[in-house]
Every structure is written in structure tokens, then in C-alpha cells.
Amino acid sequence: ELNDEEKEAAKKDMSEMLDYVNKLNELDVSGVEPMSHSFPITNV
């Protein structure tokens, strides 16, 4: 339950987060293979 002040702060924070995530679209990842983990996973 957010009051008006908290809603405005949340709106600002969410906009900043989305702007930061949108910066990833500027990266050239054409030669990067998709992966599910940053380290190679083997069955241990």
C-alpha cells in the first residue's frame, strides 16, 4: 500500500532501472554465444 509520495519515488526508481537495462541494447553481441551460466558446468 503506497501513498502518493512513495508511488512517485517508485515510478522514478523503476524508470531509472529500465533506462539502465536498456543500455544493454547498445552492446554489440553479434559474436557472443548465448549461455545459461557464466562458468562451464559439468556434472560433479
All heavy atoms as atom14 arrays in JSON, in Angstrom:
{
  "sequence": "ELNDEEKEAAKKDMSEMLDYVNKLNELDVSGVEPMSHSFPITNV",
  "atom14_mask": [
    [1, 1, 1, 1, 1, 1, 1, 1, 1, 0, 0, 0, 0, 0],
    [1, 1, 1, 1, 1, 1, 1, 1, 0, 0, 0, 0, 0, 0],
    [1, 1, 1, 1, 1, 1, 1, 1, 0, 0, 0, 0, 0, 0],
    [1, 1, 1, 1, 1, 1, 1, 1, 0, 0, 0, 0, 0, 0],
    [1, 1, 1, 1, 1, 1, 1, 1, 1, 0, 0, 0, 0, 0],
    [1, 1, 1, 1, 1, 1, 1, 1, 1, 0, 0, 0, 0, 0],
    [1, 1, 1, 1, 1, 1, 1, 1, 1, 0, 0, 0, 0, 0],
    [1, 1, 1, 1, 1, 1, 1, 1, 1, 0, 0, 0, 0, 0],
    [1, 1, 1, 1, 1, 0, 0, 0, 0, 0, 0, 0, 0, 0],
    [1, 1, 1, 1, 1, 0, 0, 0, 0, 0, 0, 0, 0, 0],
    [1, 1, 1, 1, 1, 1, 1, 1, 1, 0, 0, 0, 0, 0],
    [1, 1, 1, 1, 1, 1, 1, 1, 1, 0, 0, 0, 0, 0],
    [1, 1, 1, 1, 1, 1, 1, 1, 0, 0, 0, 0, 0, 0],
    [1, 1, 1, 1, 1, 1, 1, 1, 0, 0, 0, 0, 0, 0],
    [1, 1, 1, 1, 1, 1, 0, 0, 0, 0, 0, 0, 0, 0],
    [1, 1, 1, 1, 1, 1, 1, 1, 1, 0, 0, 0, 0, 0],
    [1, 1, 1, 1, 1, 1, 1, 1, 0, 0, 0, 0, 0, 0],
    [1, 1, 1, 1, 1, 1, 1, 1, 0, 0, 0, 0, 0, 0],
    [1, 1, 1, 1, 1, 1, 1, 1, 0, 0, 0, 0, 0, 0],
    [1, 1, 1, 1, 1, 1, 1, 1, 1, 1, 1, 1, 0, 0],
    [1, 1, 1, 1, 1, 1, 1, 0, 0, 0, 0, 0, 0, 0],
    [1, 1, 1, 1, 1, 1, 1, 1, 0, 0, 0, 0, 0, 0],
    [1, 1, 1, 1, 1, 1, 1, 1, 1, 0, 0, 0, 0, 0],
    [1, 1, 1, 1, 1, 1, 1, 1, 0, 0, 0, 0, 0, 0],
    [1, 1, 1, 1, 1, 1, 1, 1, 0, 0, 0, 0, 0, 0],
    [1, 1, 1, 1, 1, 1, 1, 1, 1, 0, 0, 0, 0, 0],
    [1, 1, 1, 1, 1, 1, 1, 1, 0, 0, 0, 0, 0, 0],
    [1, 1, 1, 1, 1, 1, 1, 1, 0, 0, 0, 0, 0, 0],
    [1, 1, 1, 1, 1, 1, 1, 0, 0, 0, 0, 0, 0, 0],
    [1, 1, 1, 1, 1, 1, 0, 0, 0, 0, 0, 0, 0, 0],
    [1, 1, 1, 1, 0, 0, 0, 0, 0, 0, 0, 0, 0, 0],
    [1, 1, 1, 1, 1, 1, 1, 0, 0, 0, 0, 0, 0, 0],
    [1, 1, 1, 1, 1, 1, 1, 1, 1, 0, 0, 0, 0, 0],
    [1, 1, 1, 1, 1, 1, 1, 0, 0, 0, 0, 0, 0, 0],
    [1, 1, 1, 1, 1, 1, 1, 1, 0, 0, 0, 0, 0, 0],
    [1, 1, 1, 1, 1, 1, 0, 0, 0, 0, 0, 0, 0, 0],
    [1, 1, 1, 1, 1, 1, 1, 1, 1, 1, 0, 0, 0, 0],
    [1, 1, 1, 1, 1, 1, 0, 0, 0, 0, 0, 0, 0, 0],
    [1, 1, 1, 1, 1, 1, 1, 1, 1, 1, 1, 0, 0, 0],
    [1, 1, 1, 1, 1, 1, 1, 0, 0, 0, 0, 0, 0, 0],
    [1, 1, 1, 1, 1, 1, 1, 1, 0, 0, 0, 0, 0, 0],
    [1, 1, 1, 1, 1, 1, 1, 0, 0, 0, 0, 0, 0, 0],
    [1, 1, 1, 1, 1, 1, 1, 1, 0, 0, 0, 0, 0, 0],
    [1, 1, 1, 1, 1, 1, 1, 0, 0, 0, 0, 0, 0, 0]
  ],
  "atom14_positions": [
    [[0.87, -1.17, 0.0], [0.0, 0.0, 0.0], [0.91, 1.22, 0.0], [1.55, 1.53, 1.0], [-0.91, -0.01, 1.23], [-1.93, -1.13, 1.21], [-2.87, -1.08, 2.41], [-3.0, 0.0, 3.03], [-3.44, -2.12, 2.73], [0.0, 0.0, 0.0], [0.0, 0.0, 0.0], [0.0, 0.0, 0.0], [0.0, 0.0, 0.0], [0.0, 0.0, 0.0]],
    [[0.98, 1.89, -1.14], [1.88, 3.03, -1.29], [1.09, 4.33, -1.27], [0.03, 4.44, -1.9], [2.63, 2.93, -2.62], [3.45, 1.66, -2.85], [3.99, 1.63, -4.27], [4.58, 1.58, -1.85], [0.0, 0.0, 0.0], [0.0, 0.0, 0.0], [0.0, 0.0, 0.0], [0.0, 0.0, 0.0], [0.0, 0.0, 0.0], [0.0, 0.0, 0.0]],
    [[1.62, 5.32, -0.57], [1.0, 6.63, -0.63], [1.5, 7.34, -1.88], [2.35, 6.82, -2.62], [1.27, 7.44, 0.65], [2.75, 7.68, 0.89], [3.52, 7.82, -0.06], [3.14, 7.71, 2.16], [0.0, 0.0, 0.0], [0.0, 0.0, 0.0], [0.0, 0.0, 0.0], [0.0, 0.0, 0.0], [0.0, 0.0, 0.0], [0.0, 0.0, 0.0]],
    [[0.99, 8.54, -2.17], [1.35, 9.24, -3.4], [2.84, 9.53, -3.49], [3.44, 9.43, -4.57], [0.55, 10.56, -3.51], [-0.93, 10.3, -3.73], [-1.25, 9.21, -4.24], [-1.75, 11.18, -3.4], [0.0, 0.0, 0.0], [0.0, 0.0, 0.0], [0.0, 0.0, 0.0], [0.0, 0.0, 0.0], [0.0, 0.0, 0.0], [0.0, 0.0, 0.0]],
    [[3.45, 9.89, -2.39], [4.88, 10.19, -2.38], [5.7, 8.94, -2.71], [6.65, 8.99, -3.49], [5.27, 10.73, -1.0], [6.68, 11.22, -0.9], [6.95, 11.79, 0.49], [6.33, 12.81, 0.85], [7.78, 11.18, 1.2], [0.0, 0.0, 0.0], [0.0, 0.0, 0.0], [0.0, 0.0, 0.0], [0.0, 0.0, 0.0], [0.0, 0.0, 0.0]],
    [[5.32, 7.8, -2.12], [6.02, 6.54, -2.38], [5.81, 6.08, -3.82], [6.71, 5.52, -4.44], [5.54, 5.47, -1.41], [5.95, 5.72, 0.03], [5.28, 4.8, 1.01], [4.12, 4.38, 0.77], [5.92, 4.49, 2.03], [0.0, 0.0, 0.0], [0.0, 0.0, 0.0], [0.0, 0.0, 0.0], [0.0, 0.0, 0.0], [0.0, 0.0, 0.0]],
    [[4.63, 6.34, -4.37], [4.35, 5.97, -5.76], [5.24, 6.75, -6.72], [5.77, 6.2, -7.68], [2.88, 6.2, -6.11], [1.94, 5.21, -5.48], [0.51, 5.52, -5.83], [-0.43, 4.62, -5.06], [-1.84, 4.94, -5.32], [0.0, 0.0, 0.0], [0.0, 0.0, 0.0], [0.0, 0.0, 0.0], [0.0, 0.0, 0.0], [0.0, 0.0, 0.0]],
    [[5.41, 8.03, -6.46], [6.27, 8.85, -7.31], [7.72, 8.39, -7.22], [8.43, 8.33, -8.22], [6.14, 10.33, -6.94], [4.84, 10.97, -7.36], [4.6, 10.87, -8.86], [5.54, 11.11, -9.65], [3.47, 10.52, -9.24], [0.0, 0.0, 0.0], [0.0, 0.0, 0.0], [0.0, 0.0, 0.0], [0.0, 0.0, 0.0], [0.0, 0.0, 0.0]],
    [[8.18, 8.07, -6.0], [9.55, 7.58, -5.82], [9.73, 6.24, -6.53], [10.76, 6.0, -7.18], [9.87, 7.45, -4.34], [0.0, 0.0, 0.0], [0.0, 0.0, 0.0], [0.0, 0.0, 0.0], [0.0, 0.0, 0.0], [0.0, 0.0, 0.0], [0.0, 0.0, 0.0], [0.0, 0.0, 0.0], [0.0, 0.0, 0.0], [0.0, 0.0, 0.0]],
    [[8.74, 5.37, -6.43], [8.82, 4.06, -7.11], [8.82, 4.24, -8.62], [9.56, 3.54, -9.33], [7.65, 3.18, -6.67], [0.0, 0.0, 0.0], [0.0, 0.0, 0.0], [0.0, 0.0, 0.0], [0.0, 0.0, 0.0], [0.0, 0.0, 0.0], [0.0, 0.0, 0.0], [0.0, 0.0, 0.0], [0.0, 0.0, 0.0], [0.0, 0.0, 0.0]],
    [[8.02, 5.19, -9.11], [7.98, 5.44, -10.55], [9.34, 5.92, -11.04], [9.84, 5.46, -12.06], [6.9, 6.49, -10.86], [6.6, 6.61, -12.33], [5.67, 7.74, -12.7], [4.46, 7.9, -11.86], [3.56, 8.95, -12.4], [0.0, 0.0, 0.0], [0.0, 0.0, 0.0], [0.0, 0.0, 0.0], [0.0, 0.0, 0.0], [0.0, 0.0, 0.0]],
    [[9.96, 6.81, -10.29], [11.29, 7.33, -10.65], [12.32, 6.21, -10.62], [13.12, 6.05, -11.54], [11.68, 8.44, -9.68], [13.04, 9.04, -9.94], [13.34, 10.12, -8.91], [14.73, 10.63, -9.01], [15.71, 9.81, -8.31], [0.0, 0.0, 0.0], [0.0, 0.0, 0.0], [0.0, 0.0, 0.0], [0.0, 0.0, 0.0], [0.0, 0.0, 0.0]],
    [[12.3, 5.39, -9.55], [13.26, 4.29, -9.41], [13.1, 3.27, -10.53], [14.09, 2.8, -11.11], [13.1, 3.59, -8.05], [13.56, 4.45, -6.89], [14.29, 5.44, -7.14], [13.19, 4.13, -5.74], [0.0, 0.0, 0.0], [0.0, 0.0, 0.0], [0.0, 0.0, 0.0], [0.0, 0.0, 0.0], [0.0, 0.0, 0.0], [0.0, 0.0, 0.0]],
    [[11.87, 2.91, -10.85], [11.64, 1.93, -11.91], [12.08, 2.47, -13.26], [12.65, 1.73, -14.08], [10.16, 1.52, -11.95], [9.76, 0.61, -10.81], [8.04, 0.13, -10.87], [8.07, -1.07, -12.17], [0.0, 0.0, 0.0], [0.0, 0.0, 0.0], [0.0, 0.0, 0.0], [0.0, 0.0, 0.0], [0.0, 0.0, 0.0], [0.0, 0.0, 0.0]],
    [[11.86, 3.74, -13.51], [12.31, 4.34, -14.76], [13.83, 4.3, -14.87], [14.38, 3.98, -15.93], [11.82, 5.79, -14.88], [10.44, 5.83, -15.03], [0.0, 0.0, 0.0], [0.0, 0.0, 0.0], [0.0, 0.0, 0.0], [0.0, 0.0, 0.0], [0.0, 0.0, 0.0], [0.0, 0.0, 0.0], [0.0, 0.0, 0.0], [0.0, 0.0, 0.0]],
    [[14.51, 4.61, -13.78], [15.97, 4.56, -13.78], [16.48, 3.14, -14.01], [17.46, 2.94, -14.74], [16.52, 5.12, -12.46], [16.37, 6.62, -12.32], [16.82, 7.13, -10.98], [17.28, 6.32, -10.13], [16.71, 8.35, -10.75], [0.0, 0.0, 0.0], [0.0, 0.0, 0.0], [0.0, 0.0, 0.0], [0.0, 0.0, 0.0], [0.0, 0.0, 0.0]],
    [[15.81, 2.16, -13.41], [16.22, 0.77, -13.6], [16.05, 0.35, -15.05], [16.93, -0.27, -15.64], [15.41, -0.16, -12.69], [15.85, -0.15, -11.25], [14.99, -1.4, -10.28], [13.62, -0.45, -9.66], [0.0, 0.0, 0.0], [0.0, 0.0, 0.0], [0.0, 0.0, 0.0], [0.0, 0.0, 0.0], [0.0, 0.0, 0.0], [0.0, 0.0, 0.0]],
    [[14.91, 0.7, -15.64], [14.66, 0.33, -17.03], [15.61, 1.04, -17.98], [16.05, 0.45, -18.97], [13.21, 0.61, -17.4], [12.19, -0.32, -16.74], [10.78, 0.11, -17.1], [12.42, -1.76, -17.16], [0.0, 0.0, 0.0], [0.0, 0.0, 0.0], [0.0, 0.0, 0.0], [0.0, 0.0, 0.0], [0.0, 0.0, 0.0], [0.0, 0.0, 0.0]],
    [[15.94, 2.29, -17.7], [16.92, 3.0, -18.52], [18.27, 2.31, -18.46], [18.97, 2.19, -19.47], [17.06, 4.46, -18.07], [15.82, 5.28, -18.4], [15.03, 4.85, -19.27], [15.65, 6.35, -17.78], [0.0, 0.0, 0.0], [0.0, 0.0, 0.0], [0.0, 0.0, 0.0], [0.0, 0.0, 0.0], [0.0, 0.0, 0.0], [0.0, 0.0, 0.0]],
    [[18.66, 1.86, -17.28], [19.93, 1.17, -17.12], [19.93, -0.15, -17.9], [20.9, -0.48, -18.58], [20.21, 0.92, -15.64], [21.55, 0.3, -15.37], [22.7, 1.06, -15.45], [21.66, -1.03, -15.03], [23.94, 0.51, -15.22], [22.89, -1.61, -14.79], [24.03, -0.83, -14.88], [25.26, -1.39, -14.65], [0.0, 0.0, 0.0], [0.0, 0.0, 0.0]],
    [[18.83, -0.89, -17.81], [18.74, -2.16, -18.52], [18.72, -1.92, -20.03], [19.3, -2.7, -20.8], [17.49, -2.95, -18.06], [17.24, -4.15, -18.94], [17.66, -3.4, -16.61], [0.0, 0.0, 0.0], [0.0, 0.0, 0.0], [0.0, 0.0, 0.0], [0.0, 0.0, 0.0], [0.0, 0.0, 0.0], [0.0, 0.0, 0.0], [0.0, 0.0, 0.0]],
    [[18.1, -0.84, -20.47], [18.06, -0.54, -21.9], [19.44, -0.24, -22.47], [19.66, -0.35, -23.68], [17.11, 0.62, -22.19], [15.67, 0.16, -22.22], [15.38, -0.99, -22.54], [14.76, 1.06, -21.9], [0.0, 0.0, 0.0], [0.0, 0.0, 0.0], [0.0, 0.0, 0.0], [0.0, 0.0, 0.0], [0.0, 0.0, 0.0], [0.0, 0.0, 0.0]],
    [[20.39, 0.13, -21.63], [21.75, 0.36, -22.1], [22.35, -0.92, -22.67], [23.25, -0.89, -23.5], [22.64, 0.89, -20.98], [22.4, 2.32, -20.64], [23.42, 2.8, -19.66], [23.22, 4.28, -19.44], [24.36, 4.88, -18.76], [0.0, 0.0, 0.0], [0.0, 0.0, 0.0], [0.0, 0.0, 0.0], [0.0, 0.0, 0.0], [0.0, 0.0, 0.0]],
    [[21.86, -2.07, -22.23], [22.36, -3.34, -22.75], [22.07, -3.49, -24.24], [22.79, -4.2, -24.95], [21.75, -4.51, -21.98], [22.13, -4.61, -20.51], [21.37, -5.74, -19.84], [23.62, -4.82, -20.36], [0.0, 0.0, 0.0], [0.0, 0.0, 0.0], [0.0, 0.0, 0.0], [0.0, 0.0, 0.0], [0.0, 0.0, 0.0], [0.0, 0.0, 0.0]],
    [[21.02, -2.83, -24.73], [20.69, -2.89, -26.16], [21.74, -2.2, -27.01], [21.81, -2.43, -28.22], [19.32, -2.28, -26.42], [18.21, -3.13, -25.84], [18.33, -4.34, -25.74], [17.12, -2.49, -25.45], [0.0, 0.0, 0.0], [0.0, 0.0, 0.0], [0.0, 0.0, 0.0], [0.0, 0.0, 0.0], [0.0, 0.0, 0.0], [0.0, 0.0, 0.0]],
    [[22.56, -1.36, -26.42], [23.6, -0.65, -27.15], [24.82, -1.53, -27.41], [25.67, -1.2, -28.23], [24.03, 0.59, -26.38], [22.92, 1.6, -26.18], [23.32, 2.73, -25.25], [24.52, 2.84, -24.91], [22.44, 3.51, -24.85], [0.0, 0.0, 0.0], [0.0, 0.0, 0.0], [0.0, 0.0, 0.0], [0.0, 0.0, 0.0], [0.0, 0.0, 0.0]],
    [[24.93, -2.65, -26.71], [26.1, -3.51, -26.85], [26.01, -4.36, -28.12], [24.94, -4.82, -28.51], [26.21, -4.44, -25.65], [26.44, -3.78, -24.3], [26.38, -4.81, -23.19], [27.79, -3.07, -24.29], [0.0, 0.0, 0.0], [0.0, 0.0, 0.0], [0.0, 0.0, 0.0], [0.0, 0.0, 0.0], [0.0, 0.0, 0.0], [0.0, 0.0, 0.0]],
    [[27.16, -4.57, -28.77], [27.22, -5.44, -29.93], [27.52, -6.86, -29.43], [28.63, -7.17, -29.0], [28.32, -4.98, -30.88], [28.45, -5.89, -32.09], [27.45, -6.55, -32.44], [29.55, -5.94, -32.67], [0.0, 0.0, 0.0], [0.0, 0.0, 0.0], [0.0, 0.0, 0.0], [0.0, 0.0, 0.0], [0.0, 0.0, 0.0], [0.0, 0.0, 0.0]],
    [[26.53, -7.71, -29.49], [26.68, -9.09, -29.02], [26.53, -10.08, -30.18], [26.19, -11.24, -29.97], [25.66, -9.41, -27.9], [25.96, -8.62, -26.65], [24.25, -9.17, -28.37], [0.0, 0.0, 0.0], [0.0, 0.0, 0.0], [0.0, 0.0, 0.0], [0.0, 0.0, 0.0], [0.0, 0.0, 0.0], [0.0, 0.0, 0.0], [0.0, 0.0, 0.0]],
    [[26.79, -9.61, -31.39], [26.58, -10.46, -32.56], [27.49, -11.7, -32.55], [27.1, -12.74, -33.04], [26.79, -9.65, -33.83], [28.08, -9.08, -33.85], [0.0, 0.0, 0.0], [0.0, 0.0, 0.0], [0.0, 0.0, 0.0], [0.0, 0.0, 0.0], [0.0, 0.0, 0.0], [0.0, 0.0, 0.0], [0.0, 0.0, 0.0], [0.0, 0.0, 0.0]],
    [[28.69, -11.61, -32.0], [29.6, -12.75, -32.0], [29.63, -13.5, -30.69], [30.48, -14.36, -30.49], [0.0, 0.0, 0.0], [0.0, 0.0, 0.0], [0.0, 0.0, 0.0], [0.0, 0.0, 0.0], [0.0, 0.0, 0.0], [0.0, 0.0, 0.0], [0.0, 0.0, 0.0], [0.0, 0.0, 0.0], [0.0, 0.0, 0.0], [0.0, 0.0, 0.0]],
    [[28.7, -13.21, -29.79], [28.71, -13.84, -28.47], [27.69, -14.97, -28.45], [26.53, -14.78, -28.79], [28.38, -12.8, -27.37], [28.35, -13.46, -26.01], [29.38, -11.66, -27.4], [0.0, 0.0, 0.0], [0.0, 0.0, 0.0], [0.0, 0.0, 0.0], [0.0, 0.0, 0.0], [0.0, 0.0, 0.0], [0.0, 0.0, 0.0], [0.0, 0.0, 0.0]],
    [[28.17, -16.14, -28.05], [27.28, -17.3, -27.99], [26.42, -17.23, -26.72], [26.94, -16.95, -25.63], [28.13, -18.58, -27.96], [27.32, -19.84, -27.96], [28.21, -21.07, -27.94], [29.35, -21.0, -28.44], [27.75, -22.09, -27.41], [0.0, 0.0, 0.0], [0.0, 0.0, 0.0], [0.0, 0.0, 0.0], [0.0, 0.0, 0.0], [0.0, 0.0, 0.0]],
    [[25.11, -17.46, -26.84], [24.26, -17.44, -25.64], [24.67, -18.55, -24.67], [25.1, -19.62, -25.08], [22.86, -17.71, -26.18], [22.94, -17.49, -27.63], [24.35, -17.71, -28.04], [0.0, 0.0, 0.0], [0.0, 0.0, 0.0], [0.0, 0.0, 0.0], [0.0, 0.0, 0.0], [0.0, 0.0, 0.0], [0.0, 0.0, 0.0], [0.0, 0.0, 0.0]],
    [[24.55, -18.25, -23.38], [24.89, -19.25, -22.37], [23.94, -19.12, -21.19], [23.32, -18.09, -20.97], [26.33, -19.09, -21.92], [26.67, -17.76, -21.32], [28.43, -17.72, -20.93], [28.62, -16.01, -20.56], [0.0, 0.0, 0.0], [0.0, 0.0, 0.0], [0.0, 0.0, 0.0], [0.0, 0.0, 0.0], [0.0, 0.0, 0.0], [0.0, 0.0, 0.0]],
    [[23.84, -20.2, -20.43], [22.96, -20.17, -19.27], [23.72, -19.88, -17.99], [23.12, -19.5, -16.99], [22.22, -21.5, -19.14], [23.14, -22.56, -18.96], [0.0, 0.0, 0.0], [0.0, 0.0, 0.0], [0.0, 0.0, 0.0], [0.0, 0.0, 0.0], [0.0, 0.0, 0.0], [0.0, 0.0, 0.0], [0.0, 0.0, 0.0], [0.0, 0.0, 0.0]],
    [[25.04, -20.08, -17.99], [25.87, -19.82, -16.82], [27.15, -19.12, -17.26], [27.6, -19.29, -18.38], [26.25, -21.12, -16.12], [25.1, -21.83, -15.48], [23.9, -22.04, -16.1], [24.97, -22.41, -14.27], [23.09, -22.7, -15.31], [23.71, -22.94, -14.19], [0.0, 0.0, 0.0], [0.0, 0.0, 0.0], [0.0, 0.0, 0.0], [0.0, 0.0, 0.0]],
    [[27.73, -18.38, -16.35], [28.96, -17.68, -16.7], [30.18, -18.6, -16.62], [31.22, -18.3, -17.18], [29.16, -16.47, -15.8], [29.18, -16.87, -14.45], [0.0, 0.0, 0.0], [0.0, 0.0, 0.0], [0.0, 0.0, 0.0], [0.0, 0.0, 0.0], [0.0, 0.0, 0.0], [0.0, 0.0, 0.0], [0.0, 0.0, 0.0], [0.0, 0.0, 0.0]],
    [[30.07, -19.72, -15.93], [31.15, -20.7, -15.84], [30.69, -22.01, -16.46], [29.51, -22.35, -16.39], [31.54, -20.95, -14.38], [32.08, -19.74, -13.69], [31.31, -19.01, -12.8], [33.38, -19.33, -13.94], [31.81, -17.9, -12.17], [33.9, -18.21, -13.31], [33.12, -17.49, -12.43], [0.0, 0.0, 0.0], [0.0, 0.0, 0.0], [0.0, 0.0, 0.0]],
    [[31.61, -22.77, -17.03], [31.19, -24.06, -17.6], [30.69, -24.98, -16.49], [31.3, -25.07, -15.42], [32.46, -24.6, -18.25], [33.58, -23.77, -17.75], [33.02, -22.5, -17.22], [0.0, 0.0, 0.0], [0.0, 0.0, 0.0], [0.0, 0.0, 0.0], [0.0, 0.0, 0.0], [0.0, 0.0, 0.0], [0.0, 0.0, 0.0], [0.0, 0.0, 0.0]],
    [[29.61, -25.63, -16.75], [29.0, -26.52, -15.76], [29.23, -27.96, -16.21], [28.96, -28.31, -17.35], [27.49, -26.26, -15.64], [27.21, -24.83, -15.21], [26.84, -27.23, -14.69], [27.6, -24.52, -13.79], [0.0, 0.0, 0.0], [0.0, 0.0, 0.0], [0.0, 0.0, 0.0], [0.0, 0.0, 0.0], [0.0, 0.0, 0.0], [0.0, 0.0, 0.0]],
    [[29.75, -28.77, -15.32], [29.88, -30.2, -15.59], [29.23, -30.95, -14.44], [29.12, -30.44, -13.33], [31.36, -30.62, -15.7], [32.03, -30.26, -14.49], [32.04, -29.95, -16.87], [0.0, 0.0, 0.0], [0.0, 0.0, 0.0], [0.0, 0.0, 0.0], [0.0, 0.0, 0.0], [0.0, 0.0, 0.0], [0.0, 0.0, 0.0], [0.0, 0.0, 0.0]],
    [[28.81, -32.14, -14.73], [28.17, -32.95, -13.71], [29.22, -33.41, -12.71], [30.19, -34.08, -13.07], [27.48, -34.16, -14.35], [26.63, -34.91, -13.35], [26.57, -34.56, -12.17], [25.96, -35.94, -13.81], [0.0, 0.0, 0.0], [0.0, 0.0, 0.0], [0.0, 0.0, 0.0], [0.0, 0.0, 0.0], [0.0, 0.0, 0.0], [0.0, 0.0, 0.0]],
    [[29.06, -33.04, -11.46], [30.03, -33.4, -10.43], [29.54, -34.56, -9.58], [30.15, -34.87, -8.56], [30.36, -32.18, -9.52], [31.04, -31.1, -10.31], [29.1, -31.67, -8.84], [0.0, 0.0, 0.0], [0.0, 0.0, 0.0], [0.0, 0.0, 0.0], [0.0, 0.0, 0.0], [0.0, 0.0, 0.0], [0.0, 0.0, 0.0], [0.0, 0.0, 0.0]]
  ]
}
